[in-house]
Amino acid sequence: MSYREEDGKVVLTMSREDYELLVTLSGAGIARLRVIPEFHTEGCLMMLNRLNQGNPNYTPYQVAEKGDVPQT
């Protein structure tokens, strides 16, 4: 894995396995923290969606509009 900065952006280079672990751990962490009302789950899901822009193998998370109540 490597880290560098270029034109004001961070460029991470990692193996596919490390990338998949990063996405899995992020999703698992978000799922566990949903029980904390102050935690902004939507922002984290949107960040994962941005991280995967251009990835044809990624299905974006659907983030509810403000005021929408999830159906159970």
C-alpha atoms as a PDB file:
ATOM      1  CA  MET A   1       0.000   0.000   0.000  1.00  0.00           C
ATOM      2  CA  SER A   2       1.192   3.530  -0.626  1.00  0.00           C
ATOM      3  CA  TYR A   3       0.081   7.099   0.069  1.00  0.00           C
ATOM      4  CA  ARG A   4       0.988  10.253  -1.810  1.00  0.00           C
ATOM      5  CA  GLU A   5      -0.429  13.717  -2.354  1.00  0.00           C
ATOM      6  CA  GLU A   6      -0.862  15.167  -5.815  1.00  0.00           C
ATOM      7  CA  ASP A   7      -2.498  18.482  -6.748  1.00  0.00           C
ATOM      8  CA  GLY A   8      -4.189  18.798  -3.353  1.00  0.00           C
ATOM      9  CA  LYS A   9      -5.570  15.255  -3.456  1.00  0.00           C
ATOM     10  CA  VAL A  10      -4.589  12.077  -1.637  1.00  0.00           C
ATOM     11  CA  VAL A  11      -3.727   9.152  -3.893  1.00  0.00           C
ATOM     12  CA  LEU A  12      -3.860   5.716  -2.258  1.00  0.00           C
ATOM     13  CA  THR A  13      -2.485   2.707  -4.089  1.00  0.00           C
ATOM     14  CA  MET A  14      -3.458  -0.688  -2.735  1.00  0.00           C
ATOM     15  CA  SER A  15      -4.098  -4.250  -3.768  1.00  0.00           C
ATOM     16  CA  ARG A  16      -7.614  -5.363  -4.686  1.00  0.00           C
ATOM     17  CA  GLU A  17      -7.655  -7.446  -1.485  1.00  0.00           C
ATOM     18  CA  ASP A  18      -6.789  -4.411   0.671  1.00  0.00           C
ATOM     19  CA  TYR A  19      -9.405  -2.322  -1.144  1.00  0.00           C
ATOM     20  CA  GLU A  20     -12.100  -4.969  -0.583  1.00  0.00           C
ATOM     21  CA  LEU A  21     -11.146  -5.168   3.100  1.00  0.00           C
ATOM     22  CA  LEU A  22     -11.360  -1.371   3.399  1.00  0.00           C
ATOM     23  CA  VAL A  23     -14.863  -1.296   1.902  1.00  0.00           C
ATOM     24  CA  THR A  24     -16.009  -4.276   3.996  1.00  0.00           C
ATOM     25  CA  LEU A  25     -14.680  -2.785   7.232  1.00  0.00           C
ATOM     26  CA  SER A  26     -16.261   0.572   6.405  1.00  0.00           C
ATOM     27  CA  GLY A  27     -19.641  -1.032   5.790  1.00  0.00           C
ATOM     28  CA  ALA A  28     -19.418  -3.133   8.951  1.00  0.00           C
ATOM     29  CA  GLY A  29     -18.439  -0.111  11.018  1.00  0.00           C
ATOM     30  CA  ILE A  30     -21.325   1.938   9.659  1.00  0.00           C
ATOM     31  CA  ALA A  31     -23.768  -0.886  10.370  1.00  0.00           C
ATOM     32  CA  ARG A  32     -22.609  -1.171  13.988  1.00  0.00           C
ATOM     33  CA  LEU A  33     -22.693   2.573  14.595  1.00  0.00           C
ATOM     34  CA  ARG A  34     -26.242   3.025  13.258  1.00  0.00           C
ATOM     35  CA  VAL A  35     -27.470   2.523  16.823  1.00  0.00           C
ATOM     36  CA  ILE A  36     -25.904   5.854  17.804  1.00  0.00           C
ATOM     37  CA  PRO A  37     -28.382   8.598  16.753  1.00  0.00           C
ATOM     38  CA  GLU A  38     -25.679  11.285  16.585  1.00  0.00           C
ATOM     39  CA  PHE A  39     -23.669   9.282  14.052  1.00  0.00           C
ATOM     40  CA  HIS A  40     -24.303  10.499  10.522  1.00  0.00           C
ATOM     41  CA  THR A  41     -24.658   7.205   8.666  1.00  0.00           C
ATOM     42  CA  GLU A  42     -25.835   8.871   5.473  1.00  0.00           C
ATOM     43  CA  GLY A  43     -22.630  10.889   5.198  1.00  0.00           C
ATOM     44  CA  CYS A  44     -20.512   7.750   5.559  1.00  0.00           C
ATOM     45  CA  LEU A  45     -22.531   5.879   2.947  1.00  0.00           C
ATOM     46  CA  MET A  46     -22.231   8.817   0.576  1.00  0.00           C
ATOM     47  CA  MET A  47     -18.452   8.779   1.168  1.00  0.00           C
ATOM     48  CA  LEU A  48     -18.290   5.074   0.228  1.00  0.00           C
ATOM     49  CA  ASN A  49     -20.299   5.869  -2.914  1.00  0.00           C
ATOM     50  CA  ARG A  50     -17.840   8.641  -3.838  1.00  0.00           C
ATOM     51  CA  LEU A  51     -14.891   6.346  -3.124  1.00  0.00           C
ATOM     52  CA  ASN A  52     -16.303   3.896  -5.672  1.00  0.00           C
ATOM     53  CA  GLN A  53     -17.237   6.323  -8.450  1.00  0.00           C
ATOM     54  CA  GLY A  54     -16.163   4.714 -11.686  1.00  0.00           C
ATOM     55  CA  ASN A  55     -16.055   1.208 -10.197  1.00  0.00           C
ATOM     56  CA  PRO A  56     -18.220  -0.984 -12.450  1.00  0.00           C
ATOM     57  CA  ASN A  57     -18.355  -3.752  -9.806  1.00  0.00           C
ATOM     58  CA  TYR A  58     -19.841  -1.553  -7.068  1.00  0.00           C
ATOM     59  CA  THR A  59     -23.523  -1.143  -6.264  1.00  0.00           C
ATOM     60  CA  PRO A  60     -24.031   2.272  -4.623  1.00  0.00           C
ATOM     61  CA  TYR A  61     -25.760   2.502  -1.289  1.00  0.00           C
ATOM     62  CA  GLN A  62     -29.167   4.166  -1.469  1.00  0.00           C
ATOM     63  CA  VAL A  63     -29.271   7.097   0.928  1.00  0.00           C
ATOM     64  CA  ALA A  64     -32.748   8.184   2.058  1.00  0.00           C
ATOM     65  CA  GLU A  65     -33.811  11.758   1.532  1.00  0.00           C
ATOM     66  CA  LYS A  66     -34.118  13.828   4.702  1.00  0.00           C
ATOM     67  CA  GLY A  67     -37.474  13.252   6.303  1.00  0.00           C
ATOM     68  CA  ASP A  68     -37.989   9.842   4.688  1.00  0.00           C
ATOM     69  CA  VAL A  69     -38.921   7.171   7.167  1.00  0.00           C
ATOM     70  CA  PRO A  70     -37.553   3.699   6.405  1.00  0.00           C
ATOM     71  CA  GLN A  71     -40.251   1.072   5.872  1.00  0.00           C
ATOM     72  CA  THR A  72     -40.049  -1.977   8.143  1.00  0.00           C
END
